[in-house]
Amino acid sequence: MPIGVVVKRQPGVTRWARHSWKATSILPGAPDADWRELRRAGDVVEFHAGTVTLELFGAETEAYVHGLGAQVPCVYVVMRATTDAARPFEVLLVTASPYEAQDYCDTGEELVEKVAMTPGLEAWVRDFVERFHEDEEFIKRRRHRERTDKVEDGIGDPRIGGAGDVYASPALQRRRLS
């Protein structure tokens, strides 16, 4: 689904930041746009920064369930700063997966903004989840019965055989050779 991203520019609150930028809303089904001015109120300006495609994947339904379970279901807008003053950010992605958004937050190179879903978009994502989500049964893995707290002689691990163990103590190496 094509999603338009609305970005608001406000005057900065410090002398080092001339402007403050924030993705504030989305426009589902919007046509292509390239930083078209939508609204101006004094020094505050809203732009339709761009339109990207929101894709949903069957393997990501667990993440969508998590996102829809929030008090306010949201999509995440991922933007990257540019050197062009007329287009200060490039809209890279809109995702409904909070897990994917977290991955972009970890890099620190992109700006990730949380924007509330419109009711129609929320219904579209819920319909997708209802069709494709399958709960996975939790299976607890079992530990091996072998004891791992046995006494080791020296730094080397006595469970590793061979004279090539460079971390084995001299006493352990003599024992292995005899």
C-alpha atoms as a PDB file:
ATOM      1  CA  MET A   1       0.000   0.000   0.000  1.00  0.00           C
ATOM      2  CA  PRO A   2       1.434   3.440  -0.840  1.00  0.00           C
ATOM      3  CA  ILE A   3       1.907   5.551   2.290  1.00  0.00           C
ATOM      4  CA  GLY A   4       2.617   9.292   2.182  1.00  0.00           C
ATOM      5  CA  VAL A   5       4.711  10.703   5.017  1.00  0.00           C
ATOM      6  CA  VAL A   6       4.004  14.145   6.484  1.00  0.00           C
ATOM      7  CA  VAL A   7       7.023  15.831   8.081  1.00  0.00           C
ATOM      8  CA  LYS A   8       6.748  18.949  10.253  1.00  0.00           C
ATOM      9  CA  ARG A   9       9.483  21.596  10.444  1.00  0.00           C
ATOM     10  CA  GLN A  10       9.536  23.823  13.522  1.00  0.00           C
ATOM     11  CA  PRO A  11      12.028  26.417  14.714  1.00  0.00           C
ATOM     12  CA  GLY A  12      14.831  24.886  16.759  1.00  0.00           C
ATOM     13  CA  VAL A  13      14.924  25.386  20.501  1.00  0.00           C
ATOM     14  CA  THR A  14      18.701  25.834  20.707  1.00  0.00           C
ATOM     15  CA  ARG A  15      21.091  28.055  18.835  1.00  0.00           C
ATOM     16  CA  TRP A  16      22.797  24.982  17.341  1.00  0.00           C
ATOM     17  CA  ALA A  17      19.669  23.563  15.683  1.00  0.00           C
ATOM     18  CA  ARG A  18      18.028  25.939  13.264  1.00  0.00           C
ATOM     19  CA  HIS A  19      15.030  23.651  12.716  1.00  0.00           C
ATOM     20  CA  SER A  20      13.419  20.631  14.350  1.00  0.00           C
ATOM     21  CA  TRP A  21      12.045  17.912  12.043  1.00  0.00           C
ATOM     22  CA  LYS A  22       9.470  15.256  12.933  1.00  0.00           C
ATOM     23  CA  ALA A  23       7.299  12.814  10.999  1.00  0.00           C
ATOM     24  CA  THR A  24       3.838  13.571  12.341  1.00  0.00           C
ATOM     25  CA  SER A  25       1.311  11.685  10.226  1.00  0.00           C
ATOM     26  CA  ILE A  26       0.779   9.359   7.295  1.00  0.00           C
ATOM     27  CA  LEU A  27      -1.429   9.484   4.229  1.00  0.00           C
ATOM     28  CA  PRO A  28      -2.492   5.955   3.139  1.00  0.00           C
ATOM     29  CA  GLY A  29      -2.971   5.672  -0.618  1.00  0.00           C
ATOM     30  CA  ALA A  30      -1.194   8.997  -1.301  1.00  0.00           C
ATOM     31  CA  PRO A  31       0.268   9.755  -4.730  1.00  0.00           C
ATOM     32  CA  ASP A  32       3.984  10.395  -5.217  1.00  0.00           C
ATOM     33  CA  ALA A  33       5.283  13.659  -3.760  1.00  0.00           C
ATOM     34  CA  ASP A  34       8.645  15.277  -3.299  1.00  0.00           C
ATOM     35  CA  TRP A  35       8.620  17.650  -0.331  1.00  0.00           C
ATOM     36  CA  ARG A  36       5.396  19.372  -1.337  1.00  0.00           C
ATOM     37  CA  GLU A  37       4.295  22.002   1.172  1.00  0.00           C
ATOM     38  CA  LEU A  38       0.907  21.158   2.697  1.00  0.00           C
ATOM     39  CA  ARG A  39       0.380  23.705   5.465  1.00  0.00           C
ATOM     40  CA  ARG A  40       2.094  26.779   6.913  1.00  0.00           C
ATOM     41  CA  ALA A  41       1.331  28.432  10.244  1.00  0.00           C
ATOM     42  CA  GLY A  42       3.947  31.056  11.043  1.00  0.00           C
ATOM     43  CA  ASP A  43       7.330  29.308  11.319  1.00  0.00           C
ATOM     44  CA  VAL A  44       5.789  25.817  11.411  1.00  0.00           C
ATOM     45  CA  VAL A  45       5.554  24.107   8.012  1.00  0.00           C
ATOM     46  CA  GLU A  46       4.227  20.634   7.127  1.00  0.00           C
ATOM     47  CA  PHE A  47       5.496  18.851   4.035  1.00  0.00           C
ATOM     48  CA  HIS A  48       4.401  15.748   2.171  1.00  0.00           C
ATOM     49  CA  ALA A  49       7.995  14.478   2.184  1.00  0.00           C
ATOM     50  CA  GLY A  50       7.481  11.404   0.055  1.00  0.00           C
ATOM     51  CA  THR A  51       5.459   8.298  -0.622  1.00  0.00           C
ATOM     52  CA  VAL A  52       6.812   4.789  -0.050  1.00  0.00           C
ATOM     53  CA  THR A  53       5.216   1.362  -0.233  1.00  0.00           C
ATOM     54  CA  LEU A  54       4.230  -0.387   2.994  1.00  0.00           C
ATOM     55  CA  GLU A  55       4.724  -4.117   2.513  1.00  0.00           C
ATOM     56  CA  LEU A  56       3.520  -6.814   4.887  1.00  0.00           C
ATOM     57  CA  PHE A  57       5.220 -10.203   5.057  1.00  0.00           C
ATOM     58  CA  GLY A  58       3.784 -13.491   6.334  1.00  0.00           C
ATOM     59  CA  ALA A  59       6.968 -14.250   8.287  1.00  0.00           C
ATOM     60  CA  GLU A  60       6.618 -10.997  10.259  1.00  0.00           C
ATOM     61  CA  THR A  61       3.097 -11.495  11.606  1.00  0.00           C
ATOM     62  CA  GLU A  62       4.334 -11.966  15.184  1.00  0.00           C
ATOM     63  CA  ALA A  63       5.808  -8.445  15.045  1.00  0.00           C
ATOM     64  CA  TYR A  64       2.567  -7.048  13.628  1.00  0.00           C
ATOM     65  CA  VAL A  65       0.579  -8.701  16.442  1.00  0.00           C
ATOM     66  CA  HIS A  66       2.935  -7.067  18.944  1.00  0.00           C
ATOM     67  CA  GLY A  67       2.509  -3.656  17.279  1.00  0.00           C
ATOM     68  CA  LEU A  68      -1.286  -3.944  17.040  1.00  0.00           C
ATOM     69  CA  GLY A  69      -1.441  -4.871  20.732  1.00  0.00           C
ATOM     70  CA  ALA A  70      -0.085  -1.458  21.737  1.00  0.00           C
ATOM     71  CA  GLN A  71      -2.401   1.110  23.287  1.00  0.00           C
ATOM     72  CA  VAL A  72      -2.076   3.154  20.064  1.00  0.00           C
ATOM     73  CA  PRO A  73      -1.139   0.981  17.055  1.00  0.00           C
ATOM     74  CA  CYS A  74       1.601   2.690  15.067  1.00  0.00           C
ATOM     75  CA  VAL A  75       3.734   2.458  11.967  1.00  0.00           C
ATOM     76  CA  TYR A  76       7.374   3.483  11.981  1.00  0.00           C
ATOM     77  CA  VAL A  77       8.841   5.959   9.500  1.00  0.00           C
ATOM     78  CA  VAL A  78      12.543   5.535   8.736  1.00  0.00           C
ATOM     79  CA  MET A  79      14.319   8.595   7.294  1.00  0.00           C
ATOM     80  CA  ARG A  80      17.947   9.393   6.501  1.00  0.00           C
ATOM     81  CA  ALA A  81      19.444  12.894   6.559  1.00  0.00           C
ATOM     82  CA  THR A  82      20.700  14.328   3.266  1.00  0.00           C
ATOM     83  CA  THR A  83      22.912  17.285   2.381  1.00  0.00           C
ATOM     84  CA  ASP A  84      20.206  18.913   0.232  1.00  0.00           C
ATOM     85  CA  ALA A  85      18.631  21.873   2.056  1.00  0.00           C
ATOM     86  CA  ALA A  86      15.426  21.661   0.003  1.00  0.00           C
ATOM     87  CA  ARG A  87      15.023  17.948   0.863  1.00  0.00           C
ATOM     88  CA  PRO A  88      16.678  17.506   4.270  1.00  0.00           C
ATOM     89  CA  PHE A  89      15.546  13.877   4.698  1.00  0.00           C
ATOM     90  CA  GLU A  90      15.013  10.922   2.416  1.00  0.00           C
ATOM     91  CA  VAL A  91      12.078   8.735   3.403  1.00  0.00           C
ATOM     92  CA  LEU A  92      13.471   5.190   3.245  1.00  0.00           C
ATOM     93  CA  LEU A  93      10.756   3.026   4.690  1.00  0.00           C
ATOM     94  CA  VAL A  94       7.412   2.791   6.445  1.00  0.00           C
ATOM     95  CA  THR A  95       6.980  -0.422   8.428  1.00  0.00           C
ATOM     96  CA  ALA A  96       4.312  -1.866  10.715  1.00  0.00           C
ATOM     97  CA  SER A  97       6.929  -4.046  12.465  1.00  0.00           C
ATOM     98  CA  PRO A  98       8.313  -2.674  15.738  1.00  0.00           C
ATOM     99  CA  TYR A  99      11.110  -5.279  15.481  1.00  0.00           C
ATOM    100  CA  GLU A 100      12.302  -3.925  12.131  1.00  0.00           C
ATOM    101  CA  ALA A 101      12.093  -0.354  13.462  1.00  0.00           C
ATOM    102  CA  GLN A 102      14.274  -1.372  16.421  1.00  0.00           C
ATOM    103  CA  ASP A 103      16.893  -2.716  14.000  1.00  0.00           C
ATOM    104  CA  TYR A 104      17.066   0.695  12.309  1.00  0.00           C
ATOM    105  CA  CYS A 105      17.295   2.426  15.695  1.00  0.00           C
ATOM    106  CA  ASP A 106      20.307   0.289  16.602  1.00  0.00           C
ATOM    107  CA  THR A 107      22.420   1.645  13.734  1.00  0.00           C
ATOM    108  CA  GLY A 108      21.992   5.279  14.736  1.00  0.00           C
ATOM    109  CA  GLU A 109      22.312   6.404  11.101  1.00  0.00           C
ATOM    110  CA  GLU A 110      18.593   6.814  10.459  1.00  0.00           C
ATOM    111  CA  LEU A 111      15.857   8.794  12.139  1.00  0.00           C
ATOM    112  CA  VAL A 112      12.975   6.525  13.199  1.00  0.00           C
ATOM    113  CA  GLU A 113       9.650   8.139  14.085  1.00  0.00           C
ATOM    114  CA  LYS A 114       6.581   6.426  15.528  1.00  0.00           C
ATOM    115  CA  VAL A 115       3.345   7.587  13.856  1.00  0.00           C
ATOM    116  CA  ALA A 116      -0.182   6.481  14.783  1.00  0.00           C
ATOM    117  CA  MET A 117      -1.971   4.277  12.243  1.00  0.00           C
ATOM    118  CA  THR A 118      -5.128   5.568  10.640  1.00  0.00           C
ATOM    119  CA  PRO A 119      -8.221   3.410  11.351  1.00  0.00           C
ATOM    120  CA  GLY A 120      -8.281   2.129   7.754  1.00  0.00           C
ATOM    121  CA  LEU A 121      -4.600   1.141   7.813  1.00  0.00           C
ATOM    122  CA  GLU A 122      -5.043  -0.556  11.191  1.00  0.00           C
ATOM    123  CA  ALA A 123      -7.951  -2.602   9.772  1.00  0.00           C
ATOM    124  CA  TRP A 124      -5.824  -3.554   6.738  1.00  0.00           C
ATOM    125  CA  VAL A 125      -2.947  -4.791   8.932  1.00  0.00           C
ATOM    126  CA  ARG A 126      -5.350  -6.651  11.276  1.00  0.00           C
ATOM    127  CA  ASP A 127      -6.959  -8.383   8.301  1.00  0.00           C
ATOM    128  CA  PHE A 128      -3.516  -9.476   7.059  1.00  0.00           C
ATOM    129  CA  VAL A 129      -2.600 -10.829  10.515  1.00  0.00           C
ATOM    130  CA  GLU A 130      -5.885 -12.717  10.859  1.00  0.00           C
ATOM    131  CA  ARG A 131      -5.305 -14.388   7.501  1.00  0.00           C
ATOM    132  CA  PHE A 132      -1.646 -15.329   7.855  1.00  0.00           C
ATOM    133  CA  HIS A 133      -0.633 -15.466  11.541  1.00  0.00           C
ATOM    134  CA  GLU A 134      -0.051 -18.876  13.104  1.00  0.00           C
ATOM    135  CA  ASP A 135       0.896 -19.112  16.776  1.00  0.00           C
ATOM    136  CA  GLU A 136       4.073 -21.088  17.279  1.00  0.00           C
ATOM    137  CA  GLU A 137       4.040 -23.525  20.153  1.00  0.00           C
ATOM    138  CA  PHE A 138       6.837 -22.929  22.637  1.00  0.00           C
ATOM    139  CA  ILE A 139       9.108 -25.948  22.957  1.00  0.00           C
ATOM    140  CA  LYS A 140      11.521 -25.921  25.842  1.00  0.00           C
ATOM    141  CA  ARG A 141      14.883 -27.320  24.890  1.00  0.00           C
ATOM    142  CA  ARG A 142      16.411 -30.003  27.088  1.00  0.00           C
ATOM    143  CA  ARG A 143      19.901 -29.888  28.468  1.00  0.00           C
ATOM    144  CA  HIS A 144      22.384 -32.686  28.057  1.00  0.00           C
ATOM    145  CA  ARG A 145      22.695 -34.981  31.045  1.00  0.00           C
ATOM    146  CA  GLU A 146      26.501 -34.863  30.966  1.00  0.00           C
ATOM    147  CA  ARG A 147      28.002 -32.991  33.895  1.00  0.00           C
ATOM    148  CA  THR A 148      29.927 -29.920  32.881  1.00  0.00           C
ATOM    149  CA  ASP A 149      31.126 -28.930  36.341  1.00  0.00           C
ATOM    150  CA  LYS A 150      33.891 -31.559  36.500  1.00  0.00           C
ATOM    151  CA  VAL A 151      37.310 -30.475  37.780  1.00  0.00           C
ATOM    152  CA  GLU A 152      39.681 -29.408  35.022  1.00  0.00           C
ATOM    153  CA  ASP A 153      43.445 -29.832  35.290  1.00  0.00           C
ATOM    154  CA  GLY A 154      45.135 -26.568  34.232  1.00  0.00           C
ATOM    155  CA  ILE A 155      43.682 -24.152  31.699  1.00  0.00           C
ATOM    156  CA  GLY A 156      43.055 -26.751  29.021  1.00  0.00           C
ATOM    157  CA  ASP A 157      39.795 -28.621  28.800  1.00  0.00           C
ATOM    158  CA  PRO A 158      40.422 -32.336  29.515  1.00  0.00           C
ATOM    159  CA  ARG A 159      37.424 -33.228  27.344  1.00  0.00           C
ATOM    160  CA  ILE A 160      39.406 -32.039  24.302  1.00  0.00           C
ATOM    161  CA  GLY A 161      41.856 -34.712  23.271  1.00  0.00           C
ATOM    162  CA  GLY A 162      45.118 -34.535  21.346  1.00  0.00           C
ATOM    163  CA  ALA A 163      48.630 -33.319  22.029  1.00  0.00           C
ATOM    164  CA  GLY A 164      47.908 -30.176  20.043  1.00  0.00           C
ATOM    165  CA  ASP A 165      45.972 -28.555  22.912  1.00  0.00           C
ATOM    166  CA  VAL A 166      48.160 -25.493  23.505  1.00  0.00           C
ATOM    167  CA  TYR A 167      46.212 -24.536  26.618  1.00  0.00           C
ATOM    168  CA  ALA A 168      46.736 -27.857  28.391  1.00  0.00           C
ATOM    169  CA  SER A 169      48.953 -27.873  31.465  1.00  0.00           C
ATOM    170  CA  PRO A 170      52.250 -29.823  31.300  1.00  0.00           C
ATOM    171  CA  ALA A 171      50.881 -32.424  33.755  1.00  0.00           C
ATOM    172  CA  LEU A 172      47.844 -32.998  31.546  1.00  0.00           C
ATOM    173  CA  GLN A 173      50.012 -33.305  28.437  1.00  0.00           C
ATOM    174  CA  ARG A 174      52.252 -35.922  30.175  1.00  0.00           C
ATOM    175  CA  ARG A 175      49.184 -37.887  31.219  1.00  0.00           C
ATOM    176  CA  ARG A 176      47.831 -37.856  27.668  1.00  0.00           C
ATOM    177  CA  LEU A 177      51.150 -39.078  26.217  1.00  0.00           C
ATOM    178  CA  SER A 178      51.441 -42.010  28.606  1.00  0.00           C
END
